[in-house]
PDB file of all heavy atoms in Angstrom:
ATOM      1  N   LEU A   1     108.550 118.274  91.589  1.00  0.00           N
ATOM      2  CA  LEU A   1     108.690 116.781  91.365  1.00  0.00           C
ATOM      3  C   LEU A   1     108.419 115.981  92.661  1.00  0.00           C
ATOM      4  O   LEU A   1     107.863 114.936  92.597  1.00  0.00           O
ATOM      5  CB  LEU A   1     110.054 116.569  90.862  1.00  0.00           C
ATOM      6  CG  LEU A   1     110.237 115.386  89.913  1.00  0.00           C
ATOM      7  CD1 LEU A   1     109.279 115.480  88.764  1.00  0.00           C
ATOM      8  CD2 LEU A   1     111.647 115.299  89.379  1.00  0.00           C
ATOM      9  N   GLY A   2     108.844 116.533  93.827  1.00  0.00           N
ATOM     10  CA  GLY A   2     108.625 115.813  95.062  1.00  0.00           C
ATOM     11  C   GLY A   2     107.115 115.672  95.362  1.00  0.00           C
ATOM     12  O   GLY A   2     106.648 114.620  95.822  1.00  0.00           O
ATOM     13  N   PHE A   3     106.395 116.710  95.105  1.00  0.00           N
ATOM     14  CA  PHE A   3     104.961 116.695  95.356  1.00  0.00           C
ATOM     15  C   PHE A   3     104.280 115.761  94.323  1.00  0.00           C
ATOM     16  O   PHE A   3     103.261 115.074  94.697  1.00  0.00           O
ATOM     17  CB  PHE A   3     104.323 118.100  95.267  1.00  0.00           C
ATOM     18  CG  PHE A   3     104.797 118.962  96.378  1.00  0.00           C
ATOM     19  CD1 PHE A   3     105.626 120.049  96.103  1.00  0.00           C
ATOM     20  CD2 PHE A   3     104.450 118.730  97.698  1.00  0.00           C
ATOM     21  CE1 PHE A   3     106.010 120.886  97.121  1.00  0.00           C
ATOM     22  CE2 PHE A   3     104.903 119.522  98.696  1.00  0.00           C
ATOM     23  CZ  PHE A   3     105.693 120.626  98.454  1.00  0.00           C
ATOM     24  N   ILE A   4     104.756 115.742  93.128  1.00  0.00           N
ATOM     25  CA  ILE A   4     104.212 114.862  92.098  1.00  0.00           C
ATOM     26  C   ILE A   4     104.448 113.394  92.531  1.00  0.00           C
ATOM     27  O   ILE A   4     103.586 112.571  92.365  1.00  0.00           O
ATOM     28  CB  ILE A   4     104.845 115.138  90.712  1.00  0.00           C
ATOM     29  CG1 ILE A   4     104.419 116.560  90.247  1.00  0.00           C
ATOM     30  CG2 ILE A   4     104.486 114.067  89.706  1.00  0.00           C
ATOM     31  CD1 ILE A   4     105.158 117.057  88.993  1.00  0.00           C
ATOM     32  N   TYR A   5     105.666 113.131  93.072  1.00  0.00           N
ATOM     33  CA  TYR A   5     105.946 111.791  93.548  1.00  0.00           C
ATOM     34  C   TYR A   5     104.965 111.405  94.666  1.00  0.00           C
ATOM     35  O   TYR A   5     104.459 110.260  94.683  1.00  0.00           O
ATOM     36  CB  TYR A   5     107.418 111.711  94.023  1.00  0.00           C
ATOM     37  CG  TYR A   5     107.746 110.371  94.649  1.00  0.00           C
ATOM     38  CD1 TYR A   5     107.631 109.212  93.902  1.00  0.00           C
ATOM     39  CD2 TYR A   5     108.124 110.255  95.988  1.00  0.00           C
ATOM     40  CE1 TYR A   5     107.960 107.950  94.455  1.00  0.00           C
ATOM     41  CE2 TYR A   5     108.449 109.042  96.515  1.00  0.00           C
ATOM     42  CZ  TYR A   5     108.332 107.885  95.771  1.00  0.00           C
ATOM     43  OH  TYR A   5     108.626 106.708  96.328  1.00  0.00           O
ATOM     44  N   LEU A   6     104.766 112.280  95.612  1.00  0.00           N
ATOM     45  CA  LEU A   6     103.803 111.958  96.652  1.00  0.00           C
ATOM     46  C   LEU A   6     102.389 111.648  96.165  1.00  0.00           C
ATOM     47  O   LEU A   6     101.684 110.799  96.626  1.00  0.00           O
ATOM     48  CB  LEU A   6     103.710 113.113  97.656  1.00  0.00           C
ATOM     49  CG  LEU A   6     104.943 113.312  98.522  1.00  0.00           C
ATOM     50  CD1 LEU A   6     104.851 114.542  99.403  1.00  0.00           C
ATOM     51  CD2 LEU A   6     105.315 112.070  99.356  1.00  0.00           C
ATOM     52  N   GLY A   7     101.991 112.395  95.111  1.00  0.00           N
ATOM     53  CA  GLY A   7     100.703 112.115  94.479  1.00  0.00           C
ATOM     54  C   GLY A   7     100.666 110.747  93.809  1.00  0.00           C
ATOM     55  O   GLY A   7      99.637 110.051  93.859  1.00  0.00           O
ATOM     56  N   THR A   8     101.794 110.375  93.156  1.00  0.00           N
ATOM     57  CA  THR A   8     101.841 109.052  92.516  1.00  0.00           C
ATOM     58  C   THR A   8     101.814 107.965  93.553  1.00  0.00           C
ATOM     59  O   THR A   8     101.254 106.875  93.279  1.00  0.00           O
ATOM     60  CB  THR A   8     103.075 108.875  91.624  1.00  0.00           C
ATOM     61  OG1 THR A   8     104.255 109.074  92.402  1.00  0.00           O
ATOM     62  CG2 THR A   8     103.061 109.909  90.507  1.00  0.00           C
ATOM     63  N   LEU A   9     102.374 108.191  94.733  1.00  0.00           N
ATOM     64  CA  LEU A   9     102.309 107.139  95.806  1.00  0.00           C
ATOM     65  C   LEU A   9     100.866 106.980  96.267  1.00  0.00           C
ATOM     66  O   LEU A   9     100.416 105.863  96.539  1.00  0.00           O
ATOM     67  CB  LEU A   9     103.176 107.566  96.993  1.00  0.00           C
ATOM     68  CG  LEU A   9     104.637 107.376  96.793  1.00  0.00           C
ATOM     69  CD1 LEU A   9     105.420 107.798  98.121  1.00  0.00           C
ATOM     70  CD2 LEU A   9     104.971 105.923  96.536  1.00  0.00           C
ATOM     71  N   LEU A  10     100.109 108.071  96.352  1.00  0.00           N
ATOM     72  CA  LEU A  10      98.694 107.989  96.713  1.00  0.00           C
ATOM     73  C   LEU A  10      97.936 107.200  95.674  1.00  0.00           C
ATOM     74  O   LEU A  10      97.108 106.340  95.977  1.00  0.00           O
ATOM     75  CB  LEU A  10      98.097 109.398  96.918  1.00  0.00           C
ATOM     76  CG  LEU A  10      96.650 109.432  97.263  1.00  0.00           C
ATOM     77  CD1 LEU A  10      96.398 108.806  98.626  1.00  0.00           C
ATOM     78  CD2 LEU A  10      96.143 110.857  97.231  1.00  0.00           C
ATOM     79  N   ILE A  11      98.202 107.468  94.376  1.00  0.00           N
ATOM     80  CA  ILE A  11      97.508 106.762  93.307  1.00  0.00           C
ATOM     81  C   ILE A  11      97.916 105.285  93.361  1.00  0.00           C
ATOM     82  O   ILE A  11      97.015 104.381  93.155  1.00  0.00           O
ATOM     83  CB  ILE A  11      97.894 107.334  91.941  1.00  0.00           C
ATOM     84  CG1 ILE A  11      97.295 108.773  91.844  1.00  0.00           C
ATOM     85  CG2 ILE A  11      97.459 106.465  90.777  1.00  0.00           C
ATOM     86  CD1 ILE A  11      97.743 109.575  90.617  1.00  0.00           C
ATOM     87  N   LYS A  12      99.177 104.960  93.659  1.00  0.00           N
ATOM     88  CA  LYS A  12      99.571 103.563  93.771  1.00  0.00           C
ATOM     89  C   LYS A  12      98.883 102.868  94.897  1.00  0.00           C
ATOM     90  O   LYS A  12      98.427 101.709  94.781  1.00  0.00           O
ATOM     91  CB  LYS A  12     101.093 103.529  93.967  1.00  0.00           C
ATOM     92  CG  LYS A  12     101.677 102.143  94.007  1.00  0.00           C
ATOM     93  CD  LYS A  12     103.197 102.199  94.165  1.00  0.00           C
ATOM     94  CE  LYS A  12     103.802 100.833  94.304  1.00  0.00           C
ATOM     95  NZ  LYS A  12     105.266 100.895  94.459  1.00  0.00           N
ATOM     96  N   LEU A  13      98.674 103.570  96.040  1.00  0.00           N
ATOM     97  CA  LEU A  13      97.974 102.991  97.151  1.00  0.00           C
ATOM     98  C   LEU A  13      96.534 102.709  96.783  1.00  0.00           C
ATOM     99  O   LEU A  13      95.970 101.617  97.124  1.00  0.00           O
ATOM    100  CB  LEU A  13      98.032 103.923  98.361  1.00  0.00           C
ATOM    101  CG  LEU A  13      97.243 103.515  99.580  1.00  0.00           C
ATOM    102  CD1 LEU A  13      97.799 102.261 100.176  1.00  0.00           C
ATOM    103  CD2 LEU A  13      97.252 104.620 100.607  1.00  0.00           C
ATOM    104  N   ILE A  14      95.890 103.673  96.127  1.00  0.00           N
ATOM    105  CA  ILE A  14      94.451 103.465  95.747  1.00  0.00           C
ATOM    106  C   ILE A  14      94.313 102.271  94.712  1.00  0.00           C
ATOM    107  O   ILE A  14      93.404 101.478  94.854  1.00  0.00           O
ATOM    108  CB  ILE A  14      93.955 104.757  95.128  1.00  0.00           C
ATOM    109  CG1 ILE A  14      93.827 105.847  96.241  1.00  0.00           C
ATOM    110  CG2 ILE A  14      92.552 104.559  94.448  1.00  0.00           C
ATOM    111  CD1 ILE A  14      93.522 107.269  95.708  1.00  0.00           C
ATOM    112  N   LEU A  15      95.229 102.220  93.780  1.00  0.00           N
ATOM    113  CA  LEU A  15      95.186 101.111  92.805  1.00  0.00           C
ATOM    114  C   LEU A  15      95.437  99.786  93.503  1.00  0.00           C
ATOM    115  O   LEU A  15      94.822  98.754  93.146  1.00  0.00           O
ATOM    116  CB  LEU A  15      96.222 101.362  91.730  1.00  0.00           C
ATOM    117  CG  LEU A  15      95.855 102.457  90.704  1.00  0.00           C
ATOM    118  CD1 LEU A  15      96.987 102.699  89.744  1.00  0.00           C
ATOM    119  CD2 LEU A  15      94.558 102.178  89.962  1.00  0.00           C
ATOM    120  N   PHE A  16      96.371  99.754  94.502  1.00  0.00           N
ATOM    121  CA  PHE A  16      96.582  98.499  95.177  1.00  0.00           C
ATOM    122  C   PHE A  16      95.301  98.093  95.893  1.00  0.00           C
ATOM    123  O   PHE A  16      94.957  96.892  95.902  1.00  0.00           O
ATOM    124  CB  PHE A  16      97.729  98.699  96.220  1.00  0.00           C
ATOM    125  CG  PHE A  16      98.089  97.460  96.984  1.00  0.00           C
ATOM    126  CD1 PHE A  16      98.944  96.528  96.418  1.00  0.00           C
ATOM    127  CD2 PHE A  16      97.534  97.184  98.208  1.00  0.00           C
ATOM    128  CE1 PHE A  16      99.235  95.346  97.084  1.00  0.00           C
ATOM    129  CE2 PHE A  16      97.829  96.031  98.903  1.00  0.00           C
ATOM    130  CZ  PHE A  16      98.699  95.121  98.340  1.00  0.00           C
ATOM    131  N   CYS A  17      94.664  99.012  96.588  1.00  0.00           N
ATOM    132  CA  CYS A  17      93.371  98.691  97.242  1.00  0.00           C
ATOM    133  C   CYS A  17      92.331  98.209  96.290  1.00  0.00           C
ATOM    134  O   CYS A  17      91.580  97.268  96.584  1.00  0.00           O
ATOM    135  CB  CYS A  17      92.859  99.924  97.978  1.00  0.00           C
ATOM    136  SG  CYS A  17      93.878 100.416  99.385  1.00  0.00           S
ATOM    137  N   LEU A  18      92.270  98.766  95.066  1.00  0.00           N
ATOM    138  CA  LEU A  18      91.308  98.313  94.077  1.00  0.00           C
ATOM    139  C   LEU A  18      91.609  96.922  93.583  1.00  0.00           C
ATOM    140  O   LEU A  18      90.743  96.094  93.413  1.00  0.00           O
ATOM    141  CB  LEU A  18      91.222  99.331  92.916  1.00  0.00           C
ATOM    142  CG  LEU A  18      90.530 100.692  93.184  1.00  0.00           C
ATOM    143  CD1 LEU A  18      90.703 101.601  91.971  1.00  0.00           C
ATOM    144  CD2 LEU A  18      89.075 100.534  93.580  1.00  0.00           C
ATOM    145  N   PHE A  19      92.875  96.728  93.228  1.00  0.00           N
ATOM    146  CA  PHE A  19      93.253  95.446  92.616  1.00  0.00           C
ATOM    147  C   PHE A  19      93.205  94.237  93.594  1.00  0.00           C
ATOM    148  O   PHE A  19      92.890  93.144  93.237  1.00  0.00           O
ATOM    149  CB  PHE A  19      94.650  95.531  91.980  1.00  0.00           C
ATOM    150  CG  PHE A  19      94.724  96.351  90.802  1.00  0.00           C
ATOM    151  CD1 PHE A  19      95.931  96.954  90.440  1.00  0.00           C
ATOM    152  CD2 PHE A  19      93.672  96.567  89.943  1.00  0.00           C
ATOM    153  CE1 PHE A  19      96.052  97.705  89.292  1.00  0.00           C
ATOM    154  CE2 PHE A  19      93.768  97.377  88.827  1.00  0.00           C
ATOM    155  CZ  PHE A  19      94.966  97.907  88.492  1.00  0.00           C
ATOM    156  N   PHE A  20      93.510  94.592  94.881  1.00  0.00           N
ATOM    157  CA  PHE A  20      93.657  93.485  95.808  1.00  0.00           C
ATOM    158  C   PHE A  20      92.573  93.587  96.892  1.00  0.00           C
ATOM    159  O   PHE A  20      92.806  93.082  97.984  1.00  0.00           O
ATOM    160  CB  PHE A  20      95.058  93.502  96.440  1.00  0.00           C
ATOM    161  CG  PHE A  20      96.118  93.211  95.427  1.00  0.00           C
ATOM    162  CD1 PHE A  20      96.935  94.230  94.949  1.00  0.00           C
ATOM    163  CD2 PHE A  20      96.313  91.916  94.951  1.00  0.00           C
ATOM    164  CE1 PHE A  20      97.881  94.034  93.978  1.00  0.00           C
ATOM    165  CE2 PHE A  20      97.260  91.691  93.952  1.00  0.00           C
ATOM    166  CZ  PHE A  20      98.053  92.716  93.483  1.00  0.00           C
ATOM    167  N   TYR A  21      91.460  94.136  96.574  1.00  0.00           N
ATOM    168  CA  TYR A  21      90.412  94.321  97.630  1.00  0.00           C
ATOM    169  C   TYR A  21      89.932  92.969  98.123  1.00  0.00           C
ATOM    170  O   TYR A  21      89.922  92.692  99.347  1.00  0.00           O
ATOM    171  CB  TYR A  21      89.193  95.125  97.067  1.00  0.00           C
ATOM    172  CG  TYR A  21      88.173  95.300  98.080  1.00  0.00           C
ATOM    173  CD1 TYR A  21      88.318  96.262  99.108  1.00  0.00           C
ATOM    174  CD2 TYR A  21      87.008  94.507  98.100  1.00  0.00           C
ATOM    175  CE1 TYR A  21      87.344  96.432 100.079  1.00  0.00           C
ATOM    176  CE2 TYR A  21      86.028  94.692  99.063  1.00  0.00           C
ATOM    177  CZ  TYR A  21      86.195  95.611 100.059  1.00  0.00           C
ATOM    178  OH  TYR A  21      85.263  95.778 100.999  1.00  0.00           O
ATOM    179  N   ASN A  22      89.481  92.083  97.224  1.00  0.00           N
ATOM    180  CA  ASN A  22      88.975  90.753  97.637  1.00  0.00           C
ATOM    181  C   ASN A  22      90.004  89.900  98.365  1.00  0.00           C
ATOM    182  O   ASN A  22      89.777  89.348  99.426  1.00  0.00           O
ATOM    183  CB  ASN A  22      88.349  90.031  96.474  1.00  0.00           C
ATOM    184  CG  ASN A  22      86.972  90.580  96.167  1.00  0.00           C
ATOM    185  OD1 ASN A  22      86.348  91.154  96.993  1.00  0.00           O
ATOM    186  ND2 ASN A  22      86.616  90.485  94.827  1.00  0.00           N
ATOM    187  N   PRO A  23      91.202  89.660  97.776  1.00  0.00           N
ATOM    188  CA  PRO A  23      92.102  88.760  98.445  1.00  0.00           C
ATOM    189  C   PRO A  23      92.760  89.339  99.684  1.00  0.00           C
ATOM    190  O   PRO A  23      93.132  88.541 100.578  1.00  0.00           O
ATOM    191  CB  PRO A  23      93.200  88.460  97.387  1.00  0.00           C
ATOM    192  CG  PRO A  23      93.075  89.561  96.390  1.00  0.00           C
ATOM    193  CD  PRO A  23      91.668  90.069  96.471  1.00  0.00           C
ATOM    194  N   VAL A  24      92.824  90.671  99.835  1.00  0.00           N
ATOM    195  CA  VAL A  24      93.567  91.259 100.952  1.00  0.00           C
ATOM    196  C   VAL A  24      92.634  91.836 102.019  1.00  0.00           C
ATOM    197  O   VAL A  24      92.827  91.697 103.185  1.00  0.00           O
ATOM    198  CB  VAL A  24      94.620  92.227 100.499  1.00  0.00           C
ATOM    199  CG1 VAL A  24      95.233  92.933 101.627  1.00  0.00           C
ATOM    200  CG2 VAL A  24      95.637  91.530  99.613  1.00  0.00           C
ATOM    201  N   PHE A  25      91.653  92.618 101.569  1.00  0.00           N
ATOM    202  CA  PHE A  25      90.856  93.426 102.520  1.00  0.00           C
ATOM    203  C   PHE A  25      89.575  92.763 102.984  1.00  0.00           C
ATOM    204  O   PHE A  25      88.906  93.289 103.845  1.00  0.00           O
ATOM    205  CB  PHE A  25      90.560  94.808 101.857  1.00  0.00           C
ATOM    206  CG  PHE A  25      91.806  95.568 101.621  1.00  0.00           C
ATOM    207  CD1 PHE A  25      92.284  95.822 100.359  1.00  0.00           C
ATOM    208  CD2 PHE A  25      92.497  96.125 102.679  1.00  0.00           C
ATOM    209  CE1 PHE A  25      93.436  96.487 100.146  1.00  0.00           C
ATOM    210  CE2 PHE A  25      93.670  96.791 102.473  1.00  0.00           C
ATOM    211  CZ  PHE A  25      94.133  97.024 101.167  1.00  0.00           C
ATOM    212  N   THR A  26      89.206  91.561 102.474  1.00  0.00           N
ATOM    213  CA  THR A  26      88.067  90.931 103.005  1.00  0.00           C
ATOM    214  C   THR A  26      88.380  89.854 104.051  1.00  0.00           C
ATOM    215  O   THR A  26      87.479  89.221 104.569  1.00  0.00           O
ATOM    216  CB  THR A  26      87.262  90.284 101.848  1.00  0.00           C
ATOM    217  OG1 THR A  26      88.079  89.348 101.112  1.00  0.00           O
ATOM    218  CG2 THR A  26      86.725  91.375 100.850  1.00  0.00           C
ATOM    219  N   VAL A  27      89.648  89.612 104.346  1.00  0.00           N
ATOM    220  CA  VAL A  27      90.059  88.672 105.301  1.00  0.00           C
ATOM    221  C   VAL A  27      89.921  89.226 106.716  1.00  0.00           C
ATOM    222  O   VAL A  27      90.227  90.406 106.904  1.00  0.00           O
ATOM    223  CB  VAL A  27      91.500  88.237 105.037  1.00  0.00           C
ATOM    224  CG1 VAL A  27      92.061  87.300 106.111  1.00  0.00           C
ATOM    225  CG2 VAL A  27      91.700  87.668 103.667  1.00  0.00           C
ATOM    226  N   ASP A  28      89.386  88.454 107.638  1.00  0.00           N
ATOM    227  CA  ASP A  28      89.202  88.936 108.984  1.00  0.00           C
ATOM    228  C   ASP A  28      90.513  89.263 109.644  1.00  0.00           C
ATOM    229  O   ASP A  28      90.668  90.324 110.237  1.00  0.00           O
ATOM    230  CB  ASP A  28      88.499  87.925 109.842  1.00  0.00           C
ATOM    231  CG  ASP A  28      87.004  87.796 109.396  1.00  0.00           C
ATOM    232  OD1 ASP A  28      86.442  88.804 108.879  1.00  0.00           O
ATOM    233  OD2 ASP A  28      86.401  86.718 109.577  1.00  0.00           O
ATOM    234  N   SER A  29      91.504  88.369 109.604  1.00  0.00           N
ATOM    235  CA  SER A  29      92.763  88.662 110.173  1.00  0.00           C
ATOM    236  C   SER A  29      93.832  87.851 109.424  1.00  0.00           C
ATOM    237  O   SER A  29      93.561  86.770 108.936  1.00  0.00           O
ATOM    238  CB  SER A  29      92.800  88.332 111.652  1.00  0.00           C
ATOM    239  OG  SER A  29      92.638  86.945 111.845  1.00  0.00           O
ATOM    240  N   PHE A  30      95.024  88.440 109.385  1.00  0.00           N
ATOM    241  CA  PHE A  30      96.153  87.770 108.732  1.00  0.00           C
ATOM    242  C   PHE A  30      97.064  87.161 109.762  1.00  0.00           C
ATOM    243  O   PHE A  30      97.184  87.658 110.878  1.00  0.00           O
ATOM    244  CB  PHE A  30      96.986  88.805 107.966  1.00  0.00           C
ATOM    245  CG  PHE A  30      96.395  89.208 106.638  1.00  0.00           C
ATOM    246  CD1 PHE A  30      96.072  90.568 106.421  1.00  0.00           C
ATOM    247  CD2 PHE A  30      96.120  88.356 105.676  1.00  0.00           C
ATOM    248  CE1 PHE A  30      95.507  90.977 105.265  1.00  0.00           C
ATOM    249  CE2 PHE A  30      95.559  88.686 104.464  1.00  0.00           C
ATOM    250  CZ  PHE A  30      95.281  90.036 104.266  1.00  0.00           C
ATOM    251  N   SER A  31      97.690  86.125 109.347  1.00  0.00           N
ATOM    252  CA  SER A  31      98.766  85.512 110.193  1.00  0.00           C
ATOM    253  C   SER A  31      99.999  86.421 110.020  1.00  0.00           C
ATOM    254  O   SER A  31     100.083  87.186 109.131  1.00  0.00           O
ATOM    255  CB  SER A  31      99.049  84.049 109.697  1.00  0.00           C
ATOM    256  OG  SER A  31      99.608  84.032 108.449  1.00  0.00           O
ATOM    257  N   PHE A  32     100.982  86.137 110.916  1.00  0.00           N
ATOM    258  CA  PHE A  32     102.252  86.886 110.810  1.00  0.00           C
ATOM    259  C   PHE A  32     102.909  86.667 109.420  1.00  0.00           C
ATOM    260  O   PHE A  32     103.428  87.609 108.852  1.00  0.00           O
ATOM    261  CB  PHE A  32     103.140  86.505 111.929  1.00  0.00           C
ATOM    262  CG  PHE A  32     104.492  87.203 111.906  1.00  0.00           C
ATOM    263  CD1 PHE A  32     104.575  88.531 112.298  1.00  0.00           C
ATOM    264  CD2 PHE A  32     105.613  86.555 111.410  1.00  0.00           C
ATOM    265  CE1 PHE A  32     105.830  89.187 112.256  1.00  0.00           C
ATOM    266  CE2 PHE A  32     106.815  87.193 111.352  1.00  0.00           C
ATOM    267  CZ  PHE A  32     106.894  88.517 111.792  1.00  0.00           C
ATOM    268  N   ASN A  33     102.815  85.470 108.928  1.00  0.00           N
ATOM    269  CA  ASN A  33     103.428  85.136 107.628  1.00  0.00           C
ATOM    270  C   ASN A  33     102.774  85.928 106.501  1.00  0.00           C
ATOM    271  O   ASN A  33     103.496  86.417 105.615  1.00  0.00           O
ATOM    272  CB  ASN A  33     103.347  83.654 107.326  1.00  0.00           C
ATOM    273  CG  ASN A  33     104.019  82.804 108.375  1.00  0.00           C
ATOM    274  OD1 ASN A  33     104.993  83.259 108.960  1.00  0.00           O
ATOM    275  ND2 ASN A  33     103.473  81.630 108.651  1.00  0.00           N
ATOM    276  N   GLU A  34     101.503  86.067 106.553  1.00  0.00           N
ATOM    277  CA  GLU A  34     100.805  86.789 105.520  1.00  0.00           C
ATOM    278  C   GLU A  34     101.081  88.281 105.630  1.00  0.00           C
ATOM    279  O   GLU A  34     101.283  88.994 104.524  1.00  0.00           O
ATOM    280  CB  GLU A  34      99.295  86.555 105.589  1.00  0.00           C
ATOM    281  CG  GLU A  34      98.952  85.128 105.164  1.00  0.00           C
ATOM    282  CD  GLU A  34      97.453  84.791 105.457  1.00  0.00           C
ATOM    283  OE1 GLU A  34      96.891  85.309 106.471  1.00  0.00           O
ATOM    284  OE2 GLU A  34      96.918  84.128 104.666  1.00  0.00           O
ATOM    285  N   LYS A  35     101.169  88.822 106.846  1.00  0.00           N
ATOM    286  CA  LYS A  35     101.556  90.229 106.972  1.00  0.00           C
ATOM    287  C   LYS A  35     102.956  90.488 106.392  1.00  0.00           C
ATOM    288  O   LYS A  35     103.169  91.541 105.729  1.00  0.00           O
ATOM    289  CB  LYS A  35     101.494  90.652 108.460  1.00  0.00           C
ATOM    290  CG  LYS A  35     100.088  90.709 109.035  1.00  0.00           C
ATOM    291  CD  LYS A  35     100.201  91.018 110.475  1.00  0.00           C
ATOM    292  CE  LYS A  35      98.786  90.941 111.150  1.00  0.00           C
ATOM    293  NZ  LYS A  35      98.787  91.151 112.590  1.00  0.00           N
ATOM    294  N   MET A  36     103.842  89.626 106.716  1.00  0.00           N
ATOM    295  CA  MET A  36     105.244  89.764 106.189  1.00  0.00           C
ATOM    296  C   MET A  36     105.276  89.597 104.663  1.00  0.00           C
ATOM    297  O   MET A  36     106.044  90.304 103.981  1.00  0.00           O
ATOM    298  CB  MET A  36     106.183  88.802 106.856  1.00  0.00           C
ATOM    299  CG  MET A  36     106.389  89.100 108.339  1.00  0.00           C
ATOM    300  SD  MET A  36     106.856  90.829 108.686  1.00  0.00           S
ATOM    301  CE  MET A  36     108.419  90.937 107.857  1.00  0.00           C
ATOM    302  N   ALA A  37     104.471  88.708 104.127  1.00  0.00           N
ATOM    303  CA  ALA A  37     104.396  88.467 102.689  1.00  0.00           C
ATOM    304  C   ALA A  37     103.899  89.734 101.967  1.00  0.00           C
ATOM    305  O   ALA A  37     104.220  89.963 100.801  1.00  0.00           O
ATOM    306  CB  ALA A  37     103.521  87.296 102.364  1.00  0.00           C
ATOM    307  N   LEU A  38     103.060  90.527 102.626  1.00  0.00           N
ATOM    308  CA  LEU A  38     102.654  91.812 102.048  1.00  0.00           C
ATOM    309  C   LEU A  38     103.669  92.898 102.218  1.00  0.00           C
ATOM    310  O   LEU A  38     103.865  93.787 101.401  1.00  0.00           O
ATOM    311  CB  LEU A  38     101.322  92.239 102.668  1.00  0.00           C
ATOM    312  CG  LEU A  38     100.118  91.535 102.215  1.00  0.00           C
ATOM    313  CD1 LEU A  38      98.855  92.001 103.018  1.00  0.00           C
ATOM    314  CD2 LEU A  38      99.830  91.819 100.729  1.00  0.00           C
ATOM    315  N   PHE A  39     104.324  92.922 103.402  1.00  0.00           N
ATOM    316  CA  PHE A  39     105.264  94.010 103.766  1.00  0.00           C
ATOM    317  C   PHE A  39     106.600  93.891 102.998  1.00  0.00           C
ATOM    318  O   PHE A  39     107.116  94.921 102.593  1.00  0.00           O
ATOM    319  CB  PHE A  39     105.477  93.952 105.300  1.00  0.00           C
ATOM    320  CG  PHE A  39     106.483  95.004 105.738  1.00  0.00           C
ATOM    321  CD1 PHE A  39     106.076  96.343 105.704  1.00  0.00           C
ATOM    322  CD2 PHE A  39     107.761  94.680 106.134  1.00  0.00           C
ATOM    323  CE1 PHE A  39     107.007  97.293 106.131  1.00  0.00           C
ATOM    324  CE2 PHE A  39     108.671  95.652 106.514  1.00  0.00           C
ATOM    325  CZ  PHE A  39     108.273  96.951 106.502  1.00  0.00           C
ATOM    326  N   ILE A  40     107.131  92.659 102.810  1.00  0.00           N
ATOM    327  CA  ILE A  40     108.404  92.512 102.219  1.00  0.00           C
ATOM    328  C   ILE A  40     108.494  93.122 100.781  1.00  0.00           C
ATOM    329  O   ILE A  40     109.355  93.907 100.468  1.00  0.00           O
ATOM    330  CB  ILE A  40     108.887  91.050 102.286  1.00  0.00           C
ATOM    331  CG1 ILE A  40     109.206  90.676 103.715  1.00  0.00           C
ATOM    332  CG2 ILE A  40     110.080  90.788 101.363  1.00  0.00           C
ATOM    333  CD1 ILE A  40     109.431  89.220 103.961  1.00  0.00           C
ATOM    334  N   PRO A  41     107.540  92.714  99.851  1.00  0.00           N
ATOM    335  CA  PRO A  41     107.592  93.360  98.534  1.00  0.00           C
ATOM    336  C   PRO A  41     107.422  94.902  98.594  1.00  0.00           C
ATOM    337  O   PRO A  41     108.052  95.608  97.846  1.00  0.00           O
ATOM    338  CB  PRO A  41     106.425  92.689  97.812  1.00  0.00           C
ATOM    339  CG  PRO A  41     106.023  91.603  98.615  1.00  0.00           C
ATOM    340  CD  PRO A  41     106.492  91.752  99.967  1.00  0.00           C
ATOM    341  N   LEU A  42     106.538  95.306  99.449  1.00  0.00           N
ATOM    342  CA  LEU A  42     106.333  96.780  99.575  1.00  0.00           C
ATOM    343  C   LEU A  42     107.611  97.463 100.003  1.00  0.00           C
ATOM    344  O   LEU A  42     108.012  98.474  99.381  1.00  0.00           O
ATOM    345  CB  LEU A  42     105.224  97.068 100.647  1.00  0.00           C
ATOM    346  CG  LEU A  42     105.036  98.502 101.000  1.00  0.00           C
ATOM    347  CD1 LEU A  42     104.445  99.256  99.846  1.00  0.00           C
ATOM    348  CD2 LEU A  42     104.227  98.619 102.251  1.00  0.00           C
TER     349      LEU A  42
END
């Protein structure tokens, strides 16, 4: 089960990258507020 959980975390990370590629990963740099806005929900 622990290994299955680690696999699901990897899938969650990949899906996050797919869903939020344009709004998150195409930005040159984030302000501190934007970094925290991503980190807090995570």
